[in-house]
C-alpha cells in the first residue's frame, strides 16, 4: 500500500501515473506525462498548448493548462479561463463515458464562456472563437446525451480559434 502523496503544505497530490484522460494508473505503469502545475504562460501560449493537448485526445491535461491561466491571469479574465477549463473537463467526462457529468460540464462551461463574452464585449479574445466554442460544447452535450456512450476526445476536440486555425 502506498502512503498518500502530499506537497510541502500537506495538500494531497496524487503522484500515480495517469492515462490520456487523467485516470489514475497503477504506480508501476507507464502513464502520459502530466502537465506541470503553476506554469505562467501568455494567453496565446495557453491556447496553443491547450489546443495541442485537445488535438492529442488529452482534454484532462488541457484543463490543467486552462486552470493555470485562470489562476495566474488577470482577475477580469478568470471567468473565461475557468469556463474553458470546464469545457475541457466536460470533454474528459464525455470521453470516459460519464454522460451526465460530461453534458453538465460542457453546458456549464459554454454558459460561462458566453456570459464572459457578453459582459466583456469580446467575442474573439486572443483569437479565440468563443461563439464557435460555445456552439461546439452545446452540440457535443446533446450528442453525448443522445448516444449515451463515450466519445473520442481527439476527434471531438474543439477548434479554439475556429476552423483551419492552429
Protein backbone atom coordinates (compact mmCIF):
# COMPACT_ATOMS: atom_id res chain seq x y z
CA UNK A 1 0.00 0.00 0.00
CA UNK A 2 1.29 3.46 -0.89
CA UNK A 3 1.25 6.37 1.51
CA UNK A 4 -0.80 9.34 0.33
CA UNK A 5 1.25 11.77 -1.67
CA UNK A 6 1.40 15.22 -0.05
CA UNK A 7 3.02 18.51 -1.02
CA UNK A 8 5.04 20.71 1.34
CA UNK A 9 1.82 22.27 2.74
CA UNK A 10 0.26 18.85 3.38
CA UNK A 11 -2.23 19.01 0.48
CA UNK A 12 -2.94 15.72 -1.26
CA UNK A 13 -1.02 15.29 -4.52
CA UNK A 14 -1.52 12.04 -6.33
CA UNK A 15 1.77 11.08 -7.96
CA UNK A 16 0.30 7.98 -9.62
CA UNK A 17 0.76 7.87 -13.38
CA UNK A 18 -2.30 8.87 -15.42
CA UNK A 19 -3.69 7.91 -18.80
CA UNK A 20 -4.56 10.43 -21.52
CA UNK A 21 -7.93 11.11 -19.91
CA UNK A 22 -6.42 11.72 -16.48
CA UNK A 23 -7.46 8.40 -14.94
CA UNK A 24 -5.00 7.06 -12.36
CA UNK A 25 -2.99 4.01 -13.35
CA UNK A 26 -1.09 1.58 -11.11
CA UNK A 27 2.07 3.09 -9.62
CA UNK A 28 4.33 0.92 -11.78
CA UNK A 29 2.52 1.68 -15.08
CA UNK A 30 3.76 3.96 -17.82
CA UNK A 31 1.46 6.94 -17.95
CA UNK A 32 1.09 10.07 -20.00
CA UNK A 33 3.42 12.85 -18.82
CA UNK A 34 1.47 15.24 -16.62
CA UNK A 35 1.27 18.94 -17.15
CA UNK A 36 3.40 20.80 -14.64
CA UNK A 37 1.25 22.86 -12.29
CA UNK A 38 1.53 26.60 -11.84
CA UNK A 39 3.07 27.40 -15.23
CA UNK A 40 2.57 31.03 -16.19
CA UNK A 41 2.04 31.33 -19.94
CA UNK A 42 0.85 34.13 -22.15
CA UNK A 43 -2.79 33.72 -23.24
CA UNK A 44 -1.57 32.80 -26.73
CA UNK A 45 0.76 30.13 -25.29
CA UNK A 46 -2.07 28.77 -23.13
CA UNK A 47 -4.40 28.48 -26.11
CA UNK A 48 -1.73 26.86 -28.31
CA UNK A 49 -0.75 24.33 -25.63
CA UNK A 50 -4.37 23.53 -24.77
CA UNK A 51 -5.22 23.07 -28.47
CA UNK A 52 -2.27 20.70 -28.91
CA UNK A 53 -3.42 18.62 -25.96
CA UNK A 54 -7.04 18.62 -27.10
CA UNK A 55 -5.99 17.50 -30.59
CA UNK A 56 -3.99 14.66 -29.00
CA UNK A 57 -7.11 13.49 -27.15
CA UNK A 58 -5.90 14.75 -23.76
CA UNK A 59 -8.62 17.11 -22.55
CA UNK A 60 -7.80 16.43 -18.89
CA UNK A 61 -4.33 17.80 -19.48
CA UNK A 62 -5.71 20.75 -21.47
CA UNK A 63 -7.91 21.56 -18.47
CA UNK A 64 -4.75 21.90 -16.36
CA UNK A 65 -3.37 24.47 -18.83
CA UNK A 66 -6.62 26.45 -18.64
CA UNK A 67 -6.56 26.17 -14.85
CA UNK A 68 -3.07 27.69 -14.74
CA UNK A 69 -4.30 30.56 -16.95
CA UNK A 70 -7.27 31.23 -14.68
CA UNK A 71 -5.12 31.17 -11.56
CA UNK A 72 -2.29 33.32 -12.95
CA UNK A 73 -4.17 35.64 -15.30
CA UNK A 74 -5.84 38.97 -14.67
CA UNK A 75 -8.90 38.91 -12.42
CA UNK A 76 -11.17 40.16 -15.23
CA UNK A 77 -10.32 37.09 -17.35
CA UNK A 78 -10.64 34.39 -14.70
CA UNK A 79 -14.23 33.52 -15.60
CA UNK A 80 -13.19 32.99 -19.23
CA UNK A 81 -10.36 30.60 -18.38
CA UNK A 82 -12.47 28.81 -15.76
CA UNK A 83 -15.18 28.29 -18.38
CA UNK A 84 -12.63 26.88 -20.83
CA UNK A 85 -11.35 24.54 -18.11
CA UNK A 86 -14.91 23.35 -17.51
CA UNK A 87 -15.29 22.63 -21.23
CA UNK A 88 -12.12 20.54 -21.20
CA UNK A 89 -13.32 18.63 -18.13
CA UNK A 90 -16.70 18.14 -19.80
CA UNK A 91 -14.95 16.59 -22.81
CA UNK A 92 -12.90 14.45 -20.41
CA UNK A 93 -16.05 13.10 -18.76
CA UNK A 94 -17.74 12.55 -22.12
CA UNK A 95 -14.70 10.57 -23.33
CA UNK A 96 -14.76 8.49 -20.14
CA UNK A 97 -18.43 7.65 -20.79
CA UNK A 98 -19.84 9.81 -17.98
CA UNK A 99 -22.88 11.09 -19.89
CA UNK A 100 -24.43 13.18 -17.12
CA UNK A 101 -21.21 14.80 -15.91
CA UNK A 102 -19.92 15.38 -19.43
CA UNK A 103 -23.07 17.09 -20.68
CA UNK A 104 -23.46 19.12 -17.50
CA UNK A 105 -19.87 20.46 -17.58
CA UNK A 106 -19.99 21.15 -21.31
CA UNK A 107 -23.13 23.26 -20.80
CA UNK A 108 -21.74 24.96 -17.69
CA UNK A 109 -18.51 25.86 -19.49
CA UNK A 110 -20.44 27.09 -22.54
CA UNK A 111 -22.61 29.28 -20.31
CA UNK A 112 -19.57 30.68 -18.51
CA UNK A 113 -17.75 31.48 -21.76
CA UNK A 114 -20.88 33.05 -23.24
CA UNK A 115 -21.52 35.13 -20.11
CA UNK A 116 -17.91 36.33 -20.06
CA UNK A 117 -18.07 37.34 -23.74
CA UNK A 118 -21.34 39.19 -23.16
CA UNK A 119 -20.04 41.01 -20.07
CA UNK A 120 -16.68 41.89 -21.62
CA UNK A 121 -17.96 42.67 -25.11
CA UNK A 122 -15.24 40.40 -26.53
CA UNK A 123 -16.13 37.51 -28.81
CA UNK A 124 -12.59 36.72 -30.01
CA UNK A 125 -10.13 37.41 -27.19
CA UNK A 126 -6.64 36.29 -28.24
CA UNK A 127 -8.15 35.00 -31.50
CA UNK A 128 -10.34 32.59 -29.53
CA UNK A 129 -13.61 31.84 -31.37
CA UNK A 130 -15.94 31.94 -28.36
CA UNK A 131 -19.18 31.68 -30.35
CA UNK A 132 -17.82 28.64 -32.18
CA UNK A 133 -16.56 27.02 -28.96
CA UNK A 134 -19.92 27.62 -27.24
CA UNK A 135 -21.77 26.06 -30.19
CA UNK A 136 -19.35 23.09 -30.19
CA UNK A 137 -19.92 22.49 -26.46
CA UNK A 138 -23.70 22.60 -26.64
CA UNK A 139 -23.83 20.35 -29.70
CA UNK A 140 -21.45 17.86 -28.08
CA UNK A 141 -23.55 17.85 -24.88
CA UNK A 142 -26.62 16.94 -26.98
CA UNK A 143 -24.69 14.23 -28.86
CA UNK A 144 -23.37 12.74 -25.61
CA UNK A 145 -26.86 12.56 -24.11
CA UNK A 146 -28.41 11.14 -27.28
CA UNK A 147 -25.74 8.48 -27.91
CA UNK A 148 -25.05 7.73 -24.21
CA UNK A 149 -21.57 6.38 -24.87
CA UNK A 150 -18.01 7.58 -24.70
CA UNK A 151 -16.81 9.97 -27.40
CA UNK A 152 -13.36 10.05 -28.96
CA UNK A 153 -11.75 13.07 -27.29
CA UNK A 154 -9.31 13.72 -30.14
CA UNK A 155 -11.83 13.66 -32.97
CA UNK A 156 -14.41 15.63 -30.97
CA UNK A 157 -11.94 18.28 -29.75
CA UNK A 158 -12.95 21.90 -30.36
CA UNK A 159 -11.07 24.30 -32.62
CA UNK A 160 -10.39 27.08 -30.13
CA UNK A 161 -9.57 29.60 -32.82
CA UNK A 162 -12.07 28.36 -35.42
CA UNK A 163 -11.84 26.05 -38.41
CA UNK A 164 -8.44 25.92 -40.06
CA UNK A 165 -6.81 27.78 -37.18
CA UNK A 166 -3.98 26.27 -35.16
